[in-house]
């Protein structure tokens, strides 16, 4: 995988990481744990799931199956026993595991290598895009839940409603978290 590919993927993962963090900052502890209905997931549950998924997928990314035997996926959808800060700390650790895997991919030039997820062979590129799609799906859920919880107090993470004209004169929000476009 070329360095440019890895950096583009890293930038997108960082964008979603920042959206998750900015959403979590806006909600209270109780809003973080609130589920709209008994079958729905709270922000806390989604964070717990994402952390478990990333840790499993990217620990020893190039050499072991992405579905680790130590992962207990079903428990990721149960009410967490940790508080908000602990869950976000676990999420930060999982982002670090991902970042180490991306550094390894760039160093190993593993573009055409094959990895496995649940015994399914995938190219490194396919596995990374699959994970990026999974992260974006769940971060979108987190943003929506946080926005619904805050109502009118929500601080927009993109172009605010009615703000397109002003935004067009200074399109700063299109930059990735590391400052690149």
Protein backbone atom coordinates (compact mmCIF):
# COMPACT_ATOMS: atom_id res chain seq x y z
CA UNK A 1 0.00 0.00 0.00
CA UNK A 2 1.47 3.33 -0.89
CA UNK A 3 2.23 5.88 1.80
CA UNK A 4 -0.37 8.19 0.20
CA UNK A 5 -3.08 5.51 0.55
CA UNK A 6 -2.20 4.90 4.18
CA UNK A 7 -2.16 8.62 4.95
CA UNK A 8 -5.54 9.13 3.25
CA UNK A 9 -7.04 6.31 5.32
CA UNK A 10 -5.40 7.59 8.50
CA UNK A 11 -6.83 11.05 7.82
CA UNK A 12 -10.36 9.66 7.41
CA UNK A 13 -10.10 7.54 10.56
CA UNK A 14 -8.92 10.70 12.38
CA UNK A 15 -11.88 12.64 11.02
CA UNK A 16 -14.30 10.07 12.45
CA UNK A 17 -12.37 9.88 15.72
CA UNK A 18 -12.75 13.63 16.10
CA UNK A 19 -16.48 13.52 15.29
CA UNK A 20 -16.94 10.86 17.98
CA UNK A 21 -14.94 12.86 20.52
CA UNK A 22 -16.70 16.16 19.78
CA UNK A 23 -20.10 14.47 20.04
CA UNK A 24 -19.20 12.78 23.33
CA UNK A 25 -17.98 16.10 24.76
CA UNK A 26 -21.40 17.65 24.20
CA UNK A 27 -23.43 15.07 26.10
CA UNK A 28 -23.78 14.51 29.82
CA UNK A 29 -23.03 11.20 31.49
CA UNK A 30 -26.73 10.30 31.56
CA UNK A 31 -27.20 11.28 27.89
CA UNK A 32 -24.16 9.16 27.00
CA UNK A 33 -25.85 6.11 28.57
CA UNK A 34 -29.43 6.82 27.43
CA UNK A 35 -31.04 4.40 24.96
CA UNK A 36 -34.15 5.63 23.18
CA UNK A 37 -35.85 2.25 23.60
CA UNK A 38 -35.09 -1.13 25.21
CA UNK A 39 -33.74 -2.56 21.96
CA UNK A 40 -31.78 0.56 21.01
CA UNK A 41 -28.13 1.26 21.68
CA UNK A 42 -26.85 4.15 23.73
CA UNK A 43 -23.77 6.13 22.73
CA UNK A 44 -21.95 4.20 25.47
CA UNK A 45 -22.84 0.84 23.93
CA UNK A 46 -21.77 1.95 20.46
CA UNK A 47 -18.46 3.26 21.83
CA UNK A 48 -17.93 -0.02 23.70
CA UNK A 49 -18.62 -1.97 20.49
CA UNK A 50 -16.37 0.19 18.32
CA UNK A 51 -13.53 -0.10 20.81
CA UNK A 52 -13.84 -3.89 20.87
CA UNK A 53 -14.07 -4.10 17.10
CA UNK A 54 -11.00 -1.94 16.42
CA UNK A 55 -8.94 -3.66 19.10
CA UNK A 56 -9.81 -7.08 17.67
CA UNK A 57 -9.39 -6.19 14.02
CA UNK A 58 -6.08 -4.36 14.34
CA UNK A 59 -4.19 -6.26 17.03
CA UNK A 60 -1.57 -8.21 15.03
CA UNK A 61 -3.41 -7.03 11.90
CA UNK A 62 -1.13 -8.61 9.30
CA UNK A 63 -0.61 -11.93 11.05
CA UNK A 64 -3.79 -13.05 12.87
CA UNK A 65 -7.50 -13.27 12.12
CA UNK A 66 -9.25 -9.98 12.86
CA UNK A 67 -11.86 -11.75 14.96
CA UNK A 68 -9.76 -12.59 18.00
CA UNK A 69 -10.71 -15.53 20.25
CA UNK A 70 -10.59 -13.21 23.29
CA UNK A 71 -13.21 -10.84 21.87
CA UNK A 72 -16.67 -11.14 23.39
CA UNK A 73 -18.70 -9.27 20.76
CA UNK A 74 -22.11 -10.00 22.27
CA UNK A 75 -21.09 -8.40 25.57
CA UNK A 76 -20.19 -5.21 23.68
CA UNK A 77 -23.94 -4.65 23.24
CA UNK A 78 -24.75 -4.99 26.94
CA UNK A 79 -24.91 -2.03 29.28
CA UNK A 80 -21.31 -1.04 30.04
CA UNK A 81 -19.94 -1.41 33.55
CA UNK A 82 -17.59 1.55 33.03
CA UNK A 83 -18.32 5.26 33.18
CA UNK A 84 -18.11 7.66 30.24
CA UNK A 85 -14.46 8.60 30.77
CA UNK A 86 -13.39 4.96 31.08
CA UNK A 87 -15.23 4.03 27.88
CA UNK A 88 -13.67 6.95 26.02
CA UNK A 89 -10.27 5.93 27.41
CA UNK A 90 -10.80 2.42 26.04
CA UNK A 91 -11.79 3.94 22.73
CA UNK A 92 -8.56 5.99 22.70
CA UNK A 93 -6.58 2.80 23.31
CA UNK A 94 -8.34 1.15 20.37
CA UNK A 95 -7.55 4.12 18.10
CA UNK A 96 -3.90 3.63 19.13
CA UNK A 97 -4.04 -0.05 18.12
CA UNK A 98 -5.41 1.04 14.73
CA UNK A 99 -2.69 3.67 14.36
CA UNK A 100 0.04 1.10 15.06
CA UNK A 101 -1.46 -1.21 12.44
CA UNK A 102 -1.55 1.60 9.88
CA UNK A 103 2.11 2.37 10.60
CA UNK A 104 2.94 -1.31 10.11
CA UNK A 105 1.05 -1.44 6.82
CA UNK A 106 2.94 1.62 5.55
CA UNK A 107 6.28 0.19 6.66
CA UNK A 108 5.63 -3.30 5.32
CA UNK A 109 4.27 -2.07 1.97
CA UNK A 110 1.46 -4.57 2.49
CA UNK A 111 -0.88 -3.27 -0.23
CA UNK A 112 -1.39 -6.68 -1.86
CA UNK A 113 -1.12 -8.76 1.31
CA UNK A 114 -4.05 -10.82 2.49
CA UNK A 115 -5.50 -10.67 5.98
CA UNK A 116 -8.43 -12.58 7.42
CA UNK A 117 -11.54 -11.51 9.27
CA UNK A 118 -13.68 -14.36 10.57
CA UNK A 119 -11.67 -16.70 8.37
CA UNK A 120 -12.58 -14.66 5.26
CA UNK A 121 -9.52 -13.60 3.25
CA UNK A 122 -9.38 -9.92 2.30
CA UNK A 123 -6.70 -7.72 0.83
CA UNK A 124 -5.26 -5.25 3.32
CA UNK A 125 -6.88 -2.46 1.33
CA UNK A 126 -10.30 -4.17 1.42
CA UNK A 127 -10.02 -4.80 5.17
CA UNK A 128 -9.08 -1.17 5.83
CA UNK A 129 -11.94 0.18 3.71
CA UNK A 130 -14.33 -2.25 5.39
CA UNK A 131 -13.23 -1.00 8.80
CA UNK A 132 -13.48 2.64 7.76
CA UNK A 133 -17.06 2.02 6.58
CA UNK A 134 -17.87 0.30 9.89
CA UNK A 135 -16.41 3.18 11.89
CA UNK A 136 -18.23 5.80 9.83
CA UNK A 137 -21.54 3.94 10.22
CA UNK A 138 -21.31 3.85 14.00
CA UNK A 139 -19.87 7.34 14.41
CA UNK A 140 -22.83 8.60 12.37
CA UNK A 141 -25.12 6.90 14.88
CA UNK A 142 -23.23 8.51 17.76
CA UNK A 143 -23.48 11.98 16.19
CA UNK A 144 -27.22 11.53 15.62
CA UNK A 145 -27.86 10.31 19.17
CA UNK A 146 -25.81 13.14 20.65
CA UNK A 147 -27.55 15.70 18.46
CA UNK A 148 -30.97 14.39 19.47
CA UNK A 149 -29.97 14.46 23.15
CA UNK A 150 -28.82 18.08 23.00
CA UNK A 151 -31.60 19.49 20.83
CA UNK A 152 -31.17 23.25 20.39
CA UNK A 153 -28.01 23.19 22.53
CA UNK A 154 -26.19 21.06 19.92
CA UNK A 155 -23.07 22.68 18.49
CA UNK A 156 -22.86 21.67 14.83
CA UNK A 157 -19.89 19.57 13.74
CA UNK A 158 -20.31 20.57 10.12
CA UNK A 159 -22.02 23.41 8.27
CA UNK A 160 -24.75 24.67 10.61
CA UNK A 161 -28.32 24.81 9.34
CA UNK A 162 -28.76 28.05 7.39
CA UNK A 163 -25.00 28.63 7.32
CA UNK A 164 -24.10 27.48 3.81
CA UNK A 165 -23.50 30.96 2.39
CA UNK A 166 -21.23 31.98 5.26
CA UNK A 167 -19.43 28.67 5.08
CA UNK A 168 -18.80 29.04 1.34
CA UNK A 169 -16.71 32.15 2.05
CA UNK A 170 -14.45 30.25 4.50
CA UNK A 171 -14.71 26.45 4.03
CA UNK A 172 -12.49 25.45 6.97
CA UNK A 173 -14.53 22.47 8.14
CA UNK A 174 -13.61 20.39 5.11
CA UNK A 175 -10.08 20.01 6.38
CA UNK A 176 -9.14 16.80 8.11
CA UNK A 177 -8.27 16.88 11.82
CA UNK A 178 -4.58 17.02 10.96
CA UNK A 179 -5.08 20.20 8.89
CA UNK A 180 -4.93 18.68 5.42
CA UNK A 181 -7.76 19.07 2.93
